[in-house]
């Protein structure tokens, strides 16, 4: 929120470069416009690199979680049995390939007529990802509560949970 506030202070809504938002590229990004207005030439490149890095991190997390969920479903018999095949290192290779294959459907966006399909897929993928993060945070809260109720130290998760 602080970043949005700073951008709102630095970039007025009447800025003409904001009108380029329909064009491809990151030049019309309010963050890049704010960095350019600060006259620090390398800062927009750093911001773009951070956005790209965080996007790759989210993609990696989704492939990891999706493949492990698919593997768990295959172990329970709710997905094809071939998905239980793992490498020597324990990587469910067919599950990873299926999840990557579903990710390749994002190239449907190249065509205008398939934008509707991609919007449905984005909707189907976004909600489970949000639920995954919520369940992780809920588990973390219960863990912290358990540590406080047994008066144990929980320094390894960096939450001050001593009563």
C-alpha atoms as a PDB file:
ATOM      1  CA  UNK A   1       0.000   0.000   0.000  1.00  0.00           C
ATOM      2  CA  UNK A   2       2.873   2.328   0.725  1.00  0.00           C
ATOM      3  CA  UNK A   3       4.221   1.829  -2.800  1.00  0.00           C
ATOM      4  CA  UNK A   4       0.841   2.685  -4.291  1.00  0.00           C
ATOM      5  CA  UNK A   5       0.654   5.786  -2.123  1.00  0.00           C
ATOM      6  CA  UNK A   6       4.106   6.920  -3.263  1.00  0.00           C
ATOM      7  CA  UNK A   7       3.199   6.358  -6.914  1.00  0.00           C
ATOM      8  CA  UNK A   8      -0.046   8.260  -6.394  1.00  0.00           C
ATOM      9  CA  UNK A   9       1.920  11.183  -4.986  1.00  0.00           C
ATOM     10  CA  UNK A  10       4.524  11.179  -7.769  1.00  0.00           C
ATOM     11  CA  UNK A  11       2.310  10.540 -10.813  1.00  0.00           C
ATOM     12  CA  UNK A  12      -0.756  12.736 -11.336  1.00  0.00           C
ATOM     13  CA  UNK A  13      -3.780  11.213 -13.013  1.00  0.00           C
ATOM     14  CA  UNK A  14      -3.390  13.728 -15.848  1.00  0.00           C
ATOM     15  CA  UNK A  15       0.079  12.465 -16.817  1.00  0.00           C
ATOM     16  CA  UNK A  16       0.120  11.957 -20.606  1.00  0.00           C
ATOM     17  CA  UNK A  17       2.290   8.828 -20.416  1.00  0.00           C
ATOM     18  CA  UNK A  18      -0.498   7.030 -18.545  1.00  0.00           C
ATOM     19  CA  UNK A  19      -2.503   7.158 -21.769  1.00  0.00           C
ATOM     20  CA  UNK A  20      -0.011   4.711 -23.327  1.00  0.00           C
ATOM     21  CA  UNK A  21      -1.351   1.953 -21.076  1.00  0.00           C
ATOM     22  CA  UNK A  22      -2.985   0.199 -24.029  1.00  0.00           C
ATOM     23  CA  UNK A  23       0.325  -0.194 -25.842  1.00  0.00           C
ATOM     24  CA  UNK A  24       2.619  -3.187 -25.236  1.00  0.00           C
ATOM     25  CA  UNK A  25       5.533  -2.788 -22.852  1.00  0.00           C
ATOM     26  CA  UNK A  26       6.050  -1.467 -19.366  1.00  0.00           C
ATOM     27  CA  UNK A  27       6.576   2.191 -20.285  1.00  0.00           C
ATOM     28  CA  UNK A  28       3.034   3.095 -19.196  1.00  0.00           C
ATOM     29  CA  UNK A  29       3.379   1.394 -15.823  1.00  0.00           C
ATOM     30  CA  UNK A  30       2.754   3.929 -13.042  1.00  0.00           C
ATOM     31  CA  UNK A  31       5.788   2.596 -11.166  1.00  0.00           C
ATOM     32  CA  UNK A  32       8.077   3.083 -14.178  1.00  0.00           C
ATOM     33  CA  UNK A  33       6.646   6.571 -14.756  1.00  0.00           C
ATOM     34  CA  UNK A  34       7.289   7.430 -11.104  1.00  0.00           C
ATOM     35  CA  UNK A  35      10.908   6.214 -11.353  1.00  0.00           C
ATOM     36  CA  UNK A  36      11.449   8.218 -14.537  1.00  0.00           C
ATOM     37  CA  UNK A  37      10.051  11.330 -12.853  1.00  0.00           C
ATOM     38  CA  UNK A  38      12.606  10.859 -10.067  1.00  0.00           C
ATOM     39  CA  UNK A  39      15.391  11.089 -12.714  1.00  0.00           C
ATOM     40  CA  UNK A  40      17.151   7.932 -11.569  1.00  0.00           C
ATOM     41  CA  UNK A  41      17.786   6.139 -14.883  1.00  0.00           C
ATOM     42  CA  UNK A  42      18.530   2.641 -13.542  1.00  0.00           C
ATOM     43  CA  UNK A  43      15.561   2.429 -11.161  1.00  0.00           C
ATOM     44  CA  UNK A  44      12.886   1.475 -13.767  1.00  0.00           C
ATOM     45  CA  UNK A  45      15.081  -1.428 -14.882  1.00  0.00           C
ATOM     46  CA  UNK A  46      15.442  -2.621 -11.283  1.00  0.00           C
ATOM     47  CA  UNK A  47      11.680  -2.424 -10.746  1.00  0.00           C
ATOM     48  CA  UNK A  48      11.030  -4.372 -13.961  1.00  0.00           C
ATOM     49  CA  UNK A  49      13.599  -7.004 -12.944  1.00  0.00           C
ATOM     50  CA  UNK A  50      11.913  -7.373  -9.543  1.00  0.00           C
ATOM     51  CA  UNK A  51       8.485  -7.746 -11.153  1.00  0.00           C
ATOM     52  CA  UNK A  52       9.857 -10.369 -13.552  1.00  0.00           C
ATOM     53  CA  UNK A  53      11.583 -12.227 -10.717  1.00  0.00           C
ATOM     54  CA  UNK A  54       8.449 -12.276  -8.584  1.00  0.00           C
ATOM     55  CA  UNK A  55       6.381 -13.478 -11.572  1.00  0.00           C
ATOM     56  CA  UNK A  56       8.809 -16.343 -12.148  1.00  0.00           C
ATOM     57  CA  UNK A  57       8.695 -17.178  -8.448  1.00  0.00           C
ATOM     58  CA  UNK A  58       4.889 -17.342  -8.469  1.00  0.00           C
ATOM     59  CA  UNK A  59       4.977 -19.536 -11.571  1.00  0.00           C
ATOM     60  CA  UNK A  60       7.482 -21.876  -9.936  1.00  0.00           C
ATOM     61  CA  UNK A  61       5.353 -22.079  -6.791  1.00  0.00           C
ATOM     62  CA  UNK A  62       2.226 -22.867  -8.807  1.00  0.00           C
ATOM     63  CA  UNK A  63       3.979 -25.627 -10.772  1.00  0.00           C
ATOM     64  CA  UNK A  64       5.341 -27.121  -7.552  1.00  0.00           C
ATOM     65  CA  UNK A  65       2.012 -27.034  -5.698  1.00  0.00           C
ATOM     66  CA  UNK A  66      -0.015 -28.151  -8.714  1.00  0.00           C
ATOM     67  CA  UNK A  67       2.225 -31.125  -9.423  1.00  0.00           C
ATOM     68  CA  UNK A  68       2.219 -32.244  -5.783  1.00  0.00           C
ATOM     69  CA  UNK A  69      -1.570 -31.939  -5.554  1.00  0.00           C
ATOM     70  CA  UNK A  70      -1.942 -33.933  -8.756  1.00  0.00           C
ATOM     71  CA  UNK A  71       0.492 -36.539  -7.407  1.00  0.00           C
ATOM     72  CA  UNK A  72      -1.530 -36.813  -4.189  1.00  0.00           C
ATOM     73  CA  UNK A  73      -4.713 -37.274  -6.196  1.00  0.00           C
ATOM     74  CA  UNK A  74      -3.026 -40.008  -8.238  1.00  0.00           C
ATOM     75  CA  UNK A  75      -1.925 -41.783  -5.049  1.00  0.00           C
ATOM     76  CA  UNK A  76      -5.512 -41.729  -3.784  1.00  0.00           C
ATOM     77  CA  UNK A  77      -6.765 -43.146  -7.103  1.00  0.00           C
ATOM     78  CA  UNK A  78      -8.574 -39.942  -8.100  1.00  0.00           C
ATOM     79  CA  UNK A  79      -6.231 -39.272 -11.036  1.00  0.00           C
ATOM     80  CA  UNK A  80      -4.637 -41.612 -13.593  1.00  0.00           C
ATOM     81  CA  UNK A  81      -2.197 -44.082 -12.067  1.00  0.00           C
ATOM     82  CA  UNK A  82       0.594 -43.122 -14.480  1.00  0.00           C
ATOM     83  CA  UNK A  83       0.917 -39.836 -12.590  1.00  0.00           C
ATOM     84  CA  UNK A  84       2.388 -41.690  -9.592  1.00  0.00           C
ATOM     85  CA  UNK A  85       5.678 -42.293 -11.452  1.00  0.00           C
ATOM     86  CA  UNK A  86       8.578 -40.448  -9.819  1.00  0.00           C
ATOM     87  CA  UNK A  87      12.246 -39.978 -10.598  1.00  0.00           C
ATOM     88  CA  UNK A  88      14.976 -41.257  -8.265  1.00  0.00           C
ATOM     89  CA  UNK A  89      14.983 -37.833  -6.600  1.00  0.00           C
ATOM     90  CA  UNK A  90      11.246 -38.088  -5.861  1.00  0.00           C
ATOM     91  CA  UNK A  91      10.007 -35.678  -8.528  1.00  0.00           C
ATOM     92  CA  UNK A  92       6.610 -36.675  -9.961  1.00  0.00           C
ATOM     93  CA  UNK A  93       7.733 -36.080 -13.526  1.00  0.00           C
ATOM     94  CA  UNK A  94       4.439 -36.775 -15.297  1.00  0.00           C
ATOM     95  CA  UNK A  95       2.570 -34.514 -12.899  1.00  0.00           C
ATOM     96  CA  UNK A  96       5.040 -31.707 -13.588  1.00  0.00           C
ATOM     97  CA  UNK A  97       4.602 -32.240 -17.335  1.00  0.00           C
ATOM     98  CA  UNK A  98       0.804 -32.120 -17.040  1.00  0.00           C
ATOM     99  CA  UNK A  99       0.948 -28.911 -15.010  1.00  0.00           C
ATOM    100  CA  UNK A 100       3.404 -27.369 -17.510  1.00  0.00           C
ATOM    101  CA  UNK A 101       1.096 -28.446 -20.336  1.00  0.00           C
ATOM    102  CA  UNK A 102      -1.827 -26.674 -18.711  1.00  0.00           C
ATOM    103  CA  UNK A 103       0.411 -23.616 -18.299  1.00  0.00           C
ATOM    104  CA  UNK A 104       1.137 -23.675 -22.015  1.00  0.00           C
ATOM    105  CA  UNK A 105      -2.541 -22.970 -22.576  1.00  0.00           C
ATOM    106  CA  UNK A 106      -1.702 -19.384 -21.634  1.00  0.00           C
ATOM    107  CA  UNK A 107      -0.395 -18.986 -25.183  1.00  0.00           C
ATOM    108  CA  UNK A 108      -4.041 -18.963 -26.226  1.00  0.00           C
ATOM    109  CA  UNK A 109      -3.902 -15.269 -25.400  1.00  0.00           C
ATOM    110  CA  UNK A 110      -2.038 -14.674 -28.672  1.00  0.00           C
ATOM    111  CA  UNK A 111      -5.315 -15.026 -30.546  1.00  0.00           C
ATOM    112  CA  UNK A 112      -8.173 -12.580 -29.895  1.00  0.00           C
ATOM    113  CA  UNK A 113     -10.880 -15.228 -30.164  1.00  0.00           C
ATOM    114  CA  UNK A 114      -9.393 -17.365 -27.419  1.00  0.00           C
ATOM    115  CA  UNK A 115      -9.227 -14.597 -24.816  1.00  0.00           C
ATOM    116  CA  UNK A 116     -12.504 -15.821 -23.322  1.00  0.00           C
ATOM    117  CA  UNK A 117     -11.040 -19.296 -22.774  1.00  0.00           C
ATOM    118  CA  UNK A 118      -7.950 -17.847 -21.136  1.00  0.00           C
ATOM    119  CA  UNK A 119     -10.034 -15.663 -18.825  1.00  0.00           C
ATOM    120  CA  UNK A 120     -11.921 -18.768 -17.657  1.00  0.00           C
ATOM    121  CA  UNK A 121      -8.617 -20.588 -17.069  1.00  0.00           C
ATOM    122  CA  UNK A 122      -7.202 -17.643 -15.119  1.00  0.00           C
ATOM    123  CA  UNK A 123     -10.320 -17.656 -12.958  1.00  0.00           C
ATOM    124  CA  UNK A 124     -10.016 -21.402 -12.369  1.00  0.00           C
ATOM    125  CA  UNK A 125      -6.352 -21.149 -11.364  1.00  0.00           C
ATOM    126  CA  UNK A 126      -6.436 -17.983  -9.261  1.00  0.00           C
ATOM    127  CA  UNK A 127      -8.909 -19.145  -6.643  1.00  0.00           C
ATOM    128  CA  UNK A 128      -7.076 -22.391  -5.732  1.00  0.00           C
ATOM    129  CA  UNK A 129      -3.821 -20.447  -5.441  1.00  0.00           C
ATOM    130  CA  UNK A 130      -5.445 -17.999  -3.036  1.00  0.00           C
ATOM    131  CA  UNK A 131      -6.917 -20.905  -1.056  1.00  0.00           C
ATOM    132  CA  UNK A 132      -3.459 -22.514  -0.899  1.00  0.00           C
ATOM    133  CA  UNK A 133      -1.952 -19.373   0.619  1.00  0.00           C
ATOM    134  CA  UNK A 134      -4.864 -19.054   3.049  1.00  0.00           C
ATOM    135  CA  UNK A 135      -4.457 -22.644   4.242  1.00  0.00           C
ATOM    136  CA  UNK A 136      -0.710 -22.126   4.667  1.00  0.00           C
ATOM    137  CA  UNK A 137      -1.290 -19.011   6.784  1.00  0.00           C
ATOM    138  CA  UNK A 138      -3.986 -20.745   8.819  1.00  0.00           C
ATOM    139  CA  UNK A 139      -1.625 -23.653   9.499  1.00  0.00           C
ATOM    140  CA  UNK A 140       1.065 -21.197  10.545  1.00  0.00           C
ATOM    141  CA  UNK A 141      -1.335 -19.463  12.940  1.00  0.00           C
ATOM    142  CA  UNK A 142      -2.364 -22.772  14.515  1.00  0.00           C
ATOM    143  CA  UNK A 143       1.302 -23.697  14.856  1.00  0.00           C
ATOM    144  CA  UNK A 144       2.036 -20.422  16.636  1.00  0.00           C
ATOM    145  CA  UNK A 145      -1.017 -20.949  18.867  1.00  0.00           C
ATOM    146  CA  UNK A 146       0.154 -24.448  19.703  1.00  0.00           C
ATOM    147  CA  UNK A 147       3.569 -23.158  20.665  1.00  0.00           C
ATOM    148  CA  UNK A 148       2.093 -20.487  22.925  1.00  0.00           C
ATOM    149  CA  UNK A 149      -0.299 -22.901  24.620  1.00  0.00           C
ATOM    150  CA  UNK A 150       2.581 -25.258  25.429  1.00  0.00           C
ATOM    151  CA  UNK A 151       4.870 -22.297  26.256  1.00  0.00           C
ATOM    152  CA  UNK A 152       7.492 -23.349  23.745  1.00  0.00           C
ATOM    153  CA  UNK A 153       9.763 -21.036  21.813  1.00  0.00           C
ATOM    154  CA  UNK A 154       9.068 -20.704  18.107  1.00  0.00           C
ATOM    155  CA  UNK A 155      12.037 -18.672  16.930  1.00  0.00           C
ATOM    156  CA  UNK A 156      12.369 -20.738  13.756  1.00  0.00           C
ATOM    157  CA  UNK A 157       9.281 -19.107  12.177  1.00  0.00           C
ATOM    158  CA  UNK A 158      10.213 -15.603  13.364  1.00  0.00           C
ATOM    159  CA  UNK A 159       6.900 -14.881  15.064  1.00  0.00           C
ATOM    160  CA  UNK A 160       7.011 -13.458  18.574  1.00  0.00           C
ATOM    161  CA  UNK A 161       4.573 -15.934  20.077  1.00  0.00           C
ATOM    162  CA  UNK A 162       5.616 -16.047  23.714  1.00  0.00           C
ATOM    163  CA  UNK A 163       2.693 -15.351  26.016  1.00  0.00           C
END
